[in-house]
Amino acid sequence: MVDIDAGPWGRRGAALESVATDADGLPLTLADFRSVFSQVLSESTLAYYEGGGADELTLAENVNSWQRMNLWPRVLRGIDSVDTSCEFLGRRMPHPFIVAPTAFHGLADPDAEIATARGALDAGAIYTLSTLAHTGPVELAAAVPDARRWFQLYVLRDRALTRAIVEEAVASGFEAIVITVDLPPAGRREREMRTGFTLGGDLVVPSIAAAGTTEPITMFDLPNLFDATLSWSDIEQIVRWSDLPVIVKGVLHPRDALAAAEHGAAGVVVSNHGGRQLDSVPSGAAALAGVVDAVHGRVSVLVDGGIRRGTDAIKARALGADAVLVGRPILYGLAAAGSPGVSAVLKILVAELENGLALVGERRFDEVTASVLNPEA
């Protein structure tokens, strides 16, 4: 646990006073949360959380591609209420927003991933714990036992340790394994290079410690712990390790999505790693329809990258996604206000989704089709 007086969180009060807030003193919009986030954290931490690969073209396009899509509303549909619930992996959820796996939450809040999981639980969202978390699966499950939780896996060079981590997640009540397959190597993250972002000190990452690394490291050192020889046969092997569904995260090409289905995955996440890896690749929004067509309902299809409005989920559903993952906005909420901030960010997205469904003329999220998109825009 980090001493709150020793971190940046003492700046929260002044930062919150600089934006519009609600009755609970929390920012009104995701943009307001981002403003507070940018005032609270150090330059190097911001470079890590906000940066992308190379020229950051994909980083920008992730947001821009959703914004360019035009919704095409219908009127006089007699809609007095809407249903935001959806189903994926055979489970019903109250809304389509999943907390994406992001690393090192101890840099944003003294309660780290425990605060994030509590916020997700309060907002009815699934929380995905990263391999690169400051909180291990057992600790998280003990602290937030009622949280719906998935575990994101980086396959380590030490396969025995990798399997042990998976078994720990299974025993701790996690409901799915999300294998990130688009790293190593790390992308050319030039913001991090300029600021010299380094992870070390009092913030311990259990998986890194278990791998035998104790010295301060950069994100360019981390991939040395991961197995670059990972192949589709390894996905099949990991599927056999437990009864949990396996989701392959980091898919952009339709053929890779189809391969994931053929090798036992239950789902894919259409993702470019938040624009942090290879630059100038397609956004999740641009790649989504091709993946949906390729898998033809064989697996659940999720998408991340650039989700900044609740209406982005409507657009994703129109293109065939079952649900969306939200990454950086969760960190905005965490840094600005801890667990309540995470919950507030998710509830803002849900409220925007409800409003968008009503205004576009759709009663149920899971019945949204491509007809809500203007094909000429």
Foldseek 3Di string as FASTA:
>chain_A
DDDPVVALLVCLVVLLVVADADPVSHHDFLVSLVSSLVVRADLLVCLVLQFFFDPLQQLVCLQVVLVPWDFAADPPLPAPFFQQWFDFPRDIFRHFEAADEDADQCRQAVVWVLLLQLLCVVQRHEYEYELRYLDALQRSCVSCVPGAYAYEAFAFPPNVLRLVSVVSNVVSDHAEYEYEDQDDPWGHGVSNVVVVDKDADPRDRVNCVVLPDHDIDDSRCVSVGGDPVDDLVVVLVVCVSDVHAYEYEQDQALVVLCSCLVSRHQYYEQQNPSNHHDHPDDHQLVRQLSNCVSCVPSHAYEYEYNPRALCSQLSSVQSPHRHYYYYSSLSSQCNNPGNNRNNSNSVRSVVRVRVVCVRRSHRYSNPRHVVRTDPVD
